[in-house]
Amino acid sequence: MHFETFQWLLLAAVALIATAAALHALLYKREPSAAFGWIAVCLLFPLIGPVLYYMLGVNRIRIRARALRAEQPPLTPGANEPPVPLEFAPQALISEAVTGLALTGGNTVEVLRDGEEAYPVMLEAIKGAQHTVFLSTYIFESNRTGLRFAKALGAAVARGVDVRVLLDGAGEWYSVPRIRHRLREAGVRVGRFLPPRLLPPSLLLNLRNHRKILVVDGAEAFTGGMNIGDRHLAHATSGGIRDMHFRLTGPVVAQIEAVFFDDWRFATGDRRYPQHPVPAESGGALCRTIIQGPSEDLSRLTMVLVGAIAAARRDVVIVTPYFLPSRELISALQSAAIRGLRVDVVLPAINNLPFMHWATRNMLWELLKWGVHVHYRQGPFTHTKLFVVDGHYAQIGSANMDPRSLRLNFELVVEVYETELATTLAEEAQAMIADSREADLTELDGRSMGAKIRDAVCWLFTPYL
């Protein structure tokens, strides 16, 4: 073959690959800006563009997850769905249509404030475990609190309990030495979720398992915003984080446990899981899990949130450490305020990620202009995540109101239909508001030009924060 012919064949092959990659982006990317960007990269840089698209642009997480779900345990317990009171019906219909999961009745939800309340209850549950302990967390520190959990988990293994811990591959690096070595020494089975590696290369650092799950004996579960470490002892350490966690009992525990096993299989390939009976009813709360992540419908949680805001009749309360809502959520909040609803958003005055605070300030005017009330809570960093509507519907869990939680992270949220809990959480939010200062348009307009440029540059990178 002549060298010139070889060159033409090589050019044709490169052009074909670049065109195929561009067509894939055109057909499968949801956002026009993302599709246009990848098409441009593939066609303008035909040698490196398709390679970058294959490594960074193709959602192989969803492909892999679907393959592993061939034998996935059902997320819906085998109990009849309970009747839904009239005041809950509109939101219940929205959530069921979006998630496809059954609403479970007969649950209890207990509020645990800060690590001082949550950790002792969680440790007591582990110490009392007789059959299984399943723990998934984003950050598991190797400080005093982390070592207490490691000791309790190791003791459970020594009693013959099936103990499994799933650590996020990036989150485990928040603490050195890494806790997984101590856990494995104690006989605990440890899985790592998408750990970064060089061979074979893994560049999925943006896709993190942010879920917080502890399930003991298939009978009680814990979830919320807390990782495991001294930083969540809000009153015992300087710079402590204020947060909320929740203890749940009842049939919803089976749904939460099934989420853990879906993640465990994804990370380890292990398809073995115990067959726990569906927990007996223990209270009056109606609950349903909502799972969010790159392996799911990317807009699932956003759709449920927008539906809840649209169905609201009196007030909407949001507490979140990171607030960079999607266009759909911004429009829903604006519409609620215009309809005359009281809409409150509580943010930390001191943020552990300053660039998130700056990016948020660039878009707040869109909400303040239409009557949404934004409050900056004073004091230590508030990591709490709450969503309450009309004092009878609430969402609790690990998700923030930002692109990372709404698109990139693997998150777990539990929606709760119970007036007692929603009222309690609304009162908690009002206590936070009383300890806050309210932002206004004058404050935002009064920023220096340098601050406005800084905030706008941070906002420009919103999809990646």
Protein backbone atom coordinates (compact mmCIF):
# COMPACT_ATOMS: atom_id res chain seq x y z
CA MET A 1 0.00 0.00 0.00
CA HIS A 2 1.34 3.41 -0.95
CA PHE A 3 2.05 5.81 1.90
CA GLU A 4 -0.28 8.40 0.38
CA THR A 5 -3.15 5.90 0.30
CA PHE A 6 -2.47 5.01 3.93
CA GLN A 7 -2.68 8.70 4.87
CA TRP A 8 -6.05 9.08 3.17
CA LEU A 9 -7.39 5.96 4.91
CA LEU A 10 -6.13 7.24 8.26
CA LEU A 11 -7.77 10.63 7.72
CA ALA A 12 -11.01 8.94 6.73
CA ALA A 13 -10.93 6.78 9.86
CA VAL A 14 -10.29 9.81 12.09
CA ALA A 15 -13.11 11.74 10.41
CA LEU A 16 -15.47 8.78 10.82
CA ILE A 17 -14.66 8.40 14.54
CA ALA A 18 -15.03 12.14 15.16
CA THR A 19 -18.37 12.19 13.33
CA ALA A 20 -19.63 9.13 15.23
CA ALA A 21 -18.68 10.70 18.57
CA ALA A 22 -20.39 13.96 17.61
CA LEU A 23 -23.56 12.08 16.62
CA HIS A 24 -23.52 10.20 19.93
CA ALA A 25 -23.34 13.51 21.80
CA LEU A 26 -26.15 14.93 19.65
CA LEU A 27 -28.44 11.97 20.41
CA TYR A 28 -27.70 11.30 24.08
CA LYS A 29 -26.74 14.58 25.75
CA ARG A 30 -29.71 16.18 27.51
CA GLU A 31 -28.51 19.77 27.72
CA PRO A 32 -28.12 21.67 24.42
CA SER A 33 -25.03 23.45 25.74
CA ALA A 34 -23.37 20.14 26.68
CA ALA A 35 -24.27 18.57 23.34
CA PHE A 36 -23.02 21.58 21.38
CA GLY A 37 -19.79 21.69 23.40
CA TRP A 38 -18.93 18.03 22.86
CA ILE A 39 -19.86 18.19 19.16
CA ALA A 40 -17.52 21.14 18.76
CA VAL A 41 -14.69 19.38 20.61
CA CYS A 42 -15.07 16.21 18.55
CA LEU A 43 -15.18 17.99 15.19
CA LEU A 44 -12.63 20.72 15.84
CA PHE A 45 -10.13 18.36 17.47
CA PRO A 46 -10.77 15.08 15.62
CA LEU A 47 -7.75 13.30 17.13
CA ILE A 48 -8.15 14.07 20.83
CA GLY A 49 -11.81 15.16 20.91
CA PRO A 50 -13.41 11.68 20.59
CA VAL A 51 -10.97 10.31 23.17
CA LEU A 52 -11.93 13.03 25.67
CA TYR A 53 -15.61 12.44 24.95
CA TYR A 54 -15.25 8.71 25.52
CA MET A 55 -13.40 9.24 28.81
CA LEU A 56 -15.42 12.16 30.22
CA GLY A 57 -18.63 12.53 28.25
CA VAL A 58 -20.13 9.04 28.02
CA ASN A 59 -22.24 7.98 31.01
CA ARG A 60 -20.74 4.53 31.51
CA ILE A 61 -22.05 4.57 35.08
CA ARG A 62 -25.62 4.10 33.86
CA ILE A 63 -24.56 1.36 31.44
CA ARG A 64 -22.70 -0.54 34.16
CA ALA A 65 -25.48 -0.08 36.71
CA ARG A 66 -28.12 -1.44 34.35
CA ALA A 67 -26.00 -4.52 33.67
CA LEU A 68 -25.60 -5.20 37.39
CA ARG A 69 -29.29 -4.76 38.11
CA ALA A 70 -30.34 -7.96 36.37
CA GLU A 71 -30.74 -9.56 39.82
CA GLN A 72 -31.35 -6.43 41.87
CA PRO A 73 -33.54 -6.88 44.97
CA PRO A 74 -36.76 -4.89 44.58
CA LEU A 75 -36.82 -1.43 46.13
CA THR A 76 -40.53 -1.77 46.84
CA PRO A 77 -41.46 -3.93 49.86
CA GLY A 78 -44.03 -6.63 49.23
CA ALA A 79 -46.73 -4.93 51.24
CA ASN A 80 -49.88 -3.26 49.98
CA GLU A 81 -49.57 0.48 49.49
CA PRO A 82 -51.44 2.29 52.26
CA PRO A 83 -54.35 4.68 51.64
CA VAL A 84 -53.17 8.27 51.26
CA PRO A 85 -55.00 11.05 53.14
CA LEU A 86 -56.54 13.70 50.91
CA GLU A 87 -54.09 16.44 51.89
CA PHE A 88 -51.15 14.25 50.78
CA ALA A 89 -52.69 12.93 47.56
CA PRO A 90 -51.38 15.46 44.98
CA GLN A 91 -47.74 15.12 46.03
CA ALA A 92 -48.03 11.34 46.48
CA LEU A 93 -49.25 10.99 42.89
CA ILE A 94 -46.38 13.15 41.59
CA SER A 95 -43.70 11.23 43.48
CA GLU A 96 -45.03 7.80 42.55
CA ALA A 97 -45.20 8.75 38.88
CA VAL A 98 -41.61 10.03 38.92
CA THR A 99 -39.96 7.38 41.12
CA GLY A 100 -42.05 4.30 40.38
CA LEU A 101 -41.66 3.30 44.05
CA ALA A 102 -44.44 2.45 46.45
CA LEU A 103 -45.35 4.65 49.38
CA THR A 104 -44.93 2.70 52.62
CA GLY A 105 -47.07 3.19 55.69
CA GLY A 106 -46.51 2.50 59.37
CA ASN A 107 -43.12 4.20 59.79
CA THR A 108 -41.56 6.31 62.52
CA VAL A 109 -38.96 9.05 61.93
CA GLU A 110 -36.90 10.34 64.85
CA VAL A 111 -34.93 13.59 64.60
CA LEU A 112 -31.28 13.48 65.77
CA ARG A 113 -29.62 16.87 66.07
CA ASP A 114 -25.87 17.10 65.55
CA GLY A 115 -23.34 14.37 66.22
CA GLU A 116 -23.92 14.66 69.95
CA GLU A 117 -27.40 13.13 69.53
CA ALA A 118 -26.90 11.00 66.42
CA TYR A 119 -23.65 9.15 67.08
CA PRO A 120 -24.58 7.56 70.45
CA VAL A 121 -27.84 6.21 69.00
CA MET A 122 -26.10 4.86 65.91
CA LEU A 123 -23.33 3.24 67.97
CA GLU A 124 -25.90 1.66 70.29
CA ALA A 125 -27.70 0.20 67.27
CA ILE A 126 -24.43 -1.30 65.97
CA LYS A 127 -23.58 -2.72 69.42
CA GLY A 128 -27.01 -4.35 69.59
CA ALA A 129 -26.89 -5.85 66.07
CA GLN A 130 -27.53 -9.59 65.90
CA HIS A 131 -27.42 -10.37 62.18
CA THR A 132 -26.37 -7.52 59.83
CA VAL A 133 -24.88 -4.03 59.84
CA PHE A 134 -24.65 -2.16 56.55
CA LEU A 135 -23.02 1.27 56.47
CA SER A 136 -22.45 3.63 53.54
CA THR A 137 -20.94 7.08 53.98
CA TYR A 138 -19.13 9.69 51.94
CA ILE A 139 -16.57 10.63 54.63
CA PHE A 140 -15.43 8.24 57.39
CA GLU A 141 -12.68 9.96 59.34
CA SER A 142 -9.96 8.19 61.28
CA ASN A 143 -10.18 10.54 64.27
CA ARG A 144 -11.70 9.77 67.67
CA THR A 145 -15.29 9.48 66.44
CA GLY A 146 -14.33 7.40 63.43
CA LEU A 147 -12.30 5.01 65.57
CA ARG A 148 -15.27 4.56 67.93
CA PHE A 149 -17.37 3.45 64.97
CA ALA A 150 -14.57 1.23 63.67
CA LYS A 151 -14.27 -0.45 67.08
CA ALA A 152 -18.03 -1.05 67.28
CA LEU A 153 -18.11 -2.47 63.76
CA GLY A 154 -15.16 -4.76 64.51
CA ALA A 155 -16.83 -5.97 67.69
CA ALA A 156 -19.97 -6.80 65.69
CA VAL A 157 -17.87 -8.89 63.28
CA ALA A 158 -16.38 -10.74 66.26
CA ARG A 159 -19.94 -11.60 67.37
CA GLY A 160 -20.63 -13.18 63.98
CA VAL A 161 -22.58 -10.26 62.51
CA ASP A 162 -22.41 -9.68 58.73
CA VAL A 163 -20.84 -6.20 58.60
CA ARG A 164 -20.29 -4.34 55.33
CA VAL A 165 -19.02 -0.79 54.92
CA LEU A 166 -19.11 1.09 51.61
CA LEU A 167 -16.74 4.07 51.33
CA ASP A 168 -16.64 6.60 48.53
CA GLY A 169 -13.38 6.34 46.60
CA ALA A 170 -12.74 10.09 46.79
CA GLY A 171 -14.40 10.84 50.12
CA GLU A 172 -12.17 8.41 51.99
CA TRP A 173 -9.20 10.70 51.26
CA TYR A 174 -10.65 13.42 53.49
CA SER A 175 -8.93 11.70 56.39
CA VAL A 176 -5.44 10.21 56.55
CA PRO A 177 -4.65 7.51 57.55
CA ARG A 178 -7.64 6.08 55.74
CA ILE A 179 -10.13 4.24 57.91
CA ARG A 180 -10.54 1.29 55.55
CA HIS A 181 -7.23 -0.18 56.70
CA ARG A 182 -8.40 -0.20 60.34
CA LEU A 183 -11.76 -1.68 59.31
CA ARG A 184 -10.21 -4.49 57.30
CA GLU A 185 -7.87 -5.35 60.16
CA ALA A 186 -11.00 -5.82 62.27
CA GLY A 187 -12.50 -8.20 59.70
CA VAL A 188 -15.03 -5.74 58.28
CA ARG A 189 -15.87 -6.20 54.61
CA VAL A 190 -15.10 -2.88 52.91
CA GLY A 191 -16.17 -1.78 49.45
CA ARG A 192 -14.88 1.30 47.61
CA PHE A 193 -17.17 3.25 45.31
CA LEU A 194 -15.44 4.38 42.09
CA PRO A 195 -11.95 4.75 43.60
CA PRO A 196 -9.59 6.89 41.47
CA ARG A 197 -6.89 4.81 39.80
CA LEU A 198 -4.23 5.06 37.12
CA LEU A 199 -4.37 1.51 35.72
CA PRO A 200 -6.88 1.05 34.24
CA PRO A 201 -7.49 4.81 34.22
CA SER A 202 -10.52 6.10 36.12
CA LEU A 203 -11.36 9.79 35.73
CA LEU A 204 -14.83 9.65 37.29
CA LEU A 205 -13.89 11.93 40.19
CA ASN A 206 -17.04 13.98 39.65
CA LEU A 207 -19.38 11.03 40.28
CA ARG A 208 -19.43 10.45 44.02
CA ASN A 209 -21.56 8.34 46.36
CA HIS A 210 -22.83 11.00 48.73
CA ARG A 211 -25.45 8.78 50.41
CA LYS A 212 -25.44 8.29 54.18
CA ILE A 213 -26.98 4.94 55.12
CA LEU A 214 -26.82 2.76 58.21
CA VAL A 215 -29.16 -0.25 58.37
CA VAL A 216 -29.09 -2.67 61.31
CA ASP A 217 -30.72 -6.12 61.20
CA GLY A 218 -33.02 -4.89 58.44
CA ALA A 219 -35.16 -3.32 61.18
CA GLU A 220 -33.87 0.23 61.71
CA ALA A 221 -32.15 2.69 59.42
CA PHE A 222 -30.32 5.99 59.78
CA THR A 223 -29.91 8.62 57.09
CA GLY A 224 -29.52 12.37 56.74
CA GLY A 225 -26.65 14.77 56.20
CA MET A 226 -23.99 13.53 58.60
CA ASN A 227 -20.76 11.84 57.69
CA ILE A 228 -18.75 10.08 60.42
CA GLY A 229 -16.12 12.17 62.17
CA ASP A 230 -15.34 14.68 64.88
CA ARG A 231 -16.37 17.60 62.67
CA HIS A 232 -20.04 16.75 63.25
CA LEU A 233 -19.70 17.21 67.01
CA ALA A 234 -21.09 20.72 66.82
CA HIS A 235 -20.61 21.64 70.46
CA ALA A 236 -17.55 19.63 71.49
CA THR A 237 -15.03 20.88 68.93
CA SER A 238 -14.05 24.27 67.56
CA GLY A 239 -15.32 24.67 64.03
CA GLY A 240 -17.91 21.94 64.54
CA ILE A 241 -20.65 21.44 61.95
CA ARG A 242 -24.36 21.69 62.77
CA ASP A 243 -26.43 19.02 61.07
CA MET A 244 -29.40 16.67 61.35
CA HIS A 245 -29.70 12.92 61.04
CA PHE A 246 -32.75 10.68 61.30
CA ARG A 247 -33.59 7.24 62.68
CA LEU A 248 -36.31 5.38 60.79
CA THR A 249 -38.22 2.21 61.58
CA GLY A 250 -40.99 0.48 59.69
CA PRO A 251 -41.37 -0.84 56.12
CA VAL A 252 -39.36 2.03 54.56
CA VAL A 253 -36.23 0.44 56.06
CA ALA A 254 -36.50 -2.30 53.41
CA GLN A 255 -36.32 0.34 50.66
CA ILE A 256 -33.26 1.98 52.23
CA GLU A 257 -31.51 -1.37 52.66
CA ALA A 258 -32.19 -2.21 49.01
CA VAL A 259 -30.48 1.05 47.99
CA PHE A 260 -27.41 0.01 49.98
CA PHE A 261 -27.28 -3.35 48.19
CA ASP A 262 -27.65 -1.73 44.80
CA ASP A 263 -24.59 0.41 45.60
CA TRP A 264 -22.70 -2.51 47.18
CA ARG A 265 -23.17 -4.65 44.08
CA PHE A 266 -22.19 -1.74 41.84
CA ALA A 267 -18.95 -1.21 43.78
CA THR A 268 -17.97 -4.82 44.56
CA GLY A 269 -19.86 -7.04 42.10
CA ASP A 270 -21.10 -9.07 45.09
CA ARG A 271 -24.71 -10.14 44.45
CA ARG A 272 -25.26 -11.89 47.78
CA TYR A 273 -27.68 -10.22 50.15
CA PRO A 274 -29.75 -11.43 53.11
CA GLN A 275 -33.49 -11.87 52.83
CA HIS A 276 -34.82 -9.79 55.70
CA PRO A 277 -38.58 -9.75 56.24
CA VAL A 278 -40.25 -6.40 55.65
CA PRO A 279 -40.17 -4.61 59.02
CA ALA A 280 -43.40 -4.42 60.93
CA GLU A 281 -45.31 -1.16 61.09
CA SER A 282 -44.15 1.05 63.95
CA GLY A 283 -45.84 4.43 63.52
CA GLY A 284 -48.03 6.61 61.37
CA ALA A 285 -45.63 8.18 58.87
CA LEU A 286 -45.96 7.49 55.15
CA CYS A 287 -42.47 7.30 53.59
CA ARG A 288 -40.83 6.66 50.23
CA THR A 289 -37.17 6.66 49.18
CA ILE A 290 -36.02 8.75 46.23
CA ILE A 291 -32.70 7.74 44.71
CA GLN A 292 -30.80 10.23 42.58
CA GLY A 293 -27.64 9.73 40.57
CA PRO A 294 -25.98 9.27 37.17
CA SER A 295 -27.31 5.70 36.99
CA GLU A 296 -30.91 6.96 37.32
CA ASP A 297 -33.09 9.45 35.50
CA LEU A 298 -30.96 12.54 36.07
CA SER A 299 -33.87 14.89 36.75
CA ARG A 300 -35.82 12.60 39.10
CA LEU A 301 -35.30 14.56 42.32
CA THR A 302 -35.71 17.90 40.55
CA MET A 303 -39.07 16.78 39.17
CA VAL A 304 -40.29 15.75 42.62
CA LEU A 305 -39.13 19.05 44.15
CA VAL A 306 -40.76 21.12 41.41
CA GLY A 307 -43.96 19.12 41.80
CA ALA A 308 -43.99 19.67 45.56
CA ILE A 309 -43.46 23.41 45.16
CA ALA A 310 -46.19 23.61 42.51
CA ALA A 311 -48.61 21.72 44.78
CA ALA A 312 -47.83 23.92 47.82
CA ARG A 313 -50.68 26.02 49.17
CA ARG A 314 -49.16 27.91 52.10
CA ASP A 315 -45.38 27.85 52.46
CA VAL A 316 -42.14 26.26 51.32
CA VAL A 317 -39.05 26.03 53.53
CA ILE A 318 -35.60 25.00 52.28
CA VAL A 319 -32.51 24.54 54.44
CA THR A 320 -29.33 23.66 52.56
CA PRO A 321 -25.59 24.33 52.83
CA TYR A 322 -25.12 24.68 49.06
CA PHE A 323 -27.71 26.48 46.97
CA LEU A 324 -27.31 26.55 43.21
CA PRO A 325 -30.73 25.41 42.01
CA SER A 326 -31.53 24.45 38.45
CA ARG A 327 -33.53 26.75 36.18
CA GLU A 328 -36.60 24.58 36.80
CA LEU A 329 -36.31 25.01 40.57
CA ILE A 330 -35.67 28.74 40.31
CA SER A 331 -38.81 29.15 38.21
CA ALA A 332 -40.85 27.01 40.63
CA LEU A 333 -39.72 29.09 43.64
CA GLN A 334 -40.40 32.34 41.80
CA SER A 335 -43.90 31.15 40.84
CA ALA A 336 -44.66 30.07 44.41
CA ALA A 337 -43.67 33.49 45.76
CA ILE A 338 -45.71 35.27 43.07
CA ARG A 339 -48.74 33.14 44.03
CA GLY A 340 -48.48 34.58 47.53
CA LEU A 341 -46.81 31.66 49.29
CA ARG A 342 -44.19 32.26 51.94
CA VAL A 343 -40.92 30.88 50.56
CA ASP A 344 -37.90 30.75 52.90
CA VAL A 345 -34.39 29.59 52.01
CA VAL A 346 -31.91 29.18 54.89
CA LEU A 347 -28.20 29.17 54.03
CA PRO A 348 -25.08 29.21 56.21
CA ALA A 349 -23.53 32.63 56.78
CA ILE A 350 -20.14 30.90 56.97
CA ASN A 351 -19.62 28.31 54.25
CA ASN A 352 -16.87 25.70 54.27
CA LEU A 353 -16.64 26.16 50.49
CA PRO A 354 -16.39 29.94 49.89
CA PHE A 355 -16.68 29.58 46.11
CA MET A 356 -20.13 28.02 46.56
CA HIS A 357 -21.21 31.02 48.62
CA TRP A 358 -19.87 33.40 45.97
CA ALA A 359 -21.57 31.56 43.10
CA THR A 360 -24.88 31.62 44.98
CA ARG A 361 -24.67 35.39 45.50
CA ASN A 362 -24.51 35.85 41.75
CA MET A 363 -27.97 34.33 41.21
CA LEU A 364 -29.87 35.26 44.39
CA TRP A 365 -31.32 38.42 42.85
CA GLU A 366 -33.53 36.23 40.65
CA LEU A 367 -35.31 34.99 43.78
CA LEU A 368 -35.21 38.12 45.94
CA LYS A 369 -36.75 40.18 43.15
CA TRP A 370 -39.92 38.06 43.26
CA GLY A 371 -40.30 37.87 47.03
CA VAL A 372 -38.39 34.74 48.05
CA HIS A 373 -36.86 35.24 51.51
CA VAL A 374 -33.20 34.23 51.81
CA HIS A 375 -31.66 33.97 55.28
CA TYR A 376 -28.02 33.56 56.28
CA ARG A 377 -27.77 31.60 59.53
CA GLN A 378 -25.13 32.93 61.89
CA GLY A 379 -22.57 30.90 63.82
CA PRO A 380 -20.91 27.59 62.92
CA PHE A 381 -21.33 26.08 59.46
CA THR A 382 -24.81 24.55 58.99
CA HIS A 383 -24.74 21.35 56.92
CA THR A 384 -28.45 20.55 57.44
CA LYS A 385 -30.65 19.62 54.46
CA LEU A 386 -34.42 20.07 54.86
CA PHE A 387 -37.35 20.62 52.53
CA VAL A 388 -40.78 21.22 54.09
CA VAL A 389 -44.07 22.14 52.39
CA ASP A 390 -47.24 23.37 54.09
CA GLY A 391 -46.28 21.81 57.43
CA HIS A 392 -47.22 18.29 56.35
CA TYR A 393 -44.73 17.12 53.69
CA ALA A 394 -40.96 16.86 54.19
CA GLN A 395 -37.84 15.54 52.51
CA ILE A 396 -34.81 14.40 54.50
CA GLY A 397 -31.56 12.88 53.33
CA SER A 398 -28.18 13.62 51.78
CA ALA A 399 -29.02 15.85 48.78
CA ASN A 400 -28.09 19.52 48.58
CA MET A 401 -29.72 22.06 46.26
CA ASP A 402 -26.84 22.21 43.80
CA PRO A 403 -25.83 20.64 40.47
CA ARG A 404 -23.57 18.09 42.15
CA SER A 405 -26.43 16.60 44.17
CA LEU A 406 -29.09 17.09 41.49
CA ARG A 407 -27.04 15.60 38.63
CA LEU A 408 -23.62 14.17 39.55
CA ASN A 409 -23.76 12.59 42.99
CA PHE A 410 -25.48 9.40 44.07
CA GLU A 411 -27.97 10.65 46.68
CA LEU A 412 -30.66 9.21 48.93
CA VAL A 413 -33.71 11.23 49.99
CA VAL A 414 -36.68 10.03 52.02
CA GLU A 415 -39.96 11.85 51.61
CA VAL A 416 -42.17 11.82 54.68
CA TYR A 417 -45.91 12.46 54.73
CA GLU A 418 -46.64 13.20 58.39
CA THR A 419 -47.85 16.44 59.88
CA GLU A 420 -46.11 15.89 63.22
CA LEU A 421 -42.63 15.50 61.72
CA ALA A 422 -43.12 18.25 59.12
CA THR A 423 -44.30 20.63 61.83
CA THR A 424 -41.26 19.80 63.96
CA LEU A 425 -38.90 20.40 61.04
CA ALA A 426 -40.67 23.63 60.10
CA GLU A 427 -40.23 24.82 63.70
CA GLU A 428 -36.54 23.87 63.53
CA ALA A 429 -36.23 25.97 60.38
CA GLN A 430 -38.01 28.91 62.00
CA ALA A 431 -35.54 28.74 64.90
CA MET A 432 -32.73 28.91 62.36
CA ILE A 433 -34.38 31.90 60.68
CA ALA A 434 -34.61 33.67 64.04
CA ASP A 435 -30.83 33.20 64.31
CA SER A 436 -30.24 34.56 60.79
CA ARG A 437 -29.98 37.82 58.89
CA GLU A 438 -32.08 38.25 55.78
CA ALA A 439 -30.43 39.11 52.47
CA ASP A 440 -31.89 41.80 50.21
CA LEU A 441 -31.34 43.31 46.78
CA THR A 442 -29.65 46.38 48.24
CA GLU A 443 -26.94 44.18 49.75
CA LEU A 444 -26.33 42.37 46.46
CA ASP A 445 -26.36 45.56 44.40
CA GLY A 446 -23.90 47.14 46.84
CA ARG A 447 -21.15 44.62 46.15
CA SER A 448 -17.96 46.01 44.70
CA MET A 449 -17.24 45.42 41.04
CA GLY A 450 -14.45 43.05 42.03
CA ALA A 451 -16.83 41.01 44.18
CA LYS A 452 -19.43 40.89 41.39
CA ILE A 453 -16.85 39.63 38.90
CA ARG A 454 -15.56 37.03 41.39
CA ASP A 455 -19.11 35.81 42.11
CA ALA A 456 -19.97 35.66 38.42
CA VAL A 457 -16.82 33.69 37.56
CA CYS A 458 -17.65 31.15 40.28
CA TRP A 459 -21.24 30.96 39.01
CA LEU A 460 -19.91 30.29 35.50
CA PHE A 461 -18.51 27.00 36.80
CA THR A 462 -21.81 26.06 38.47
CA PRO A 463 -22.14 22.71 36.62
CA TYR A 464 -18.82 21.56 38.07
CA LEU A 465 -18.99 22.88 41.67
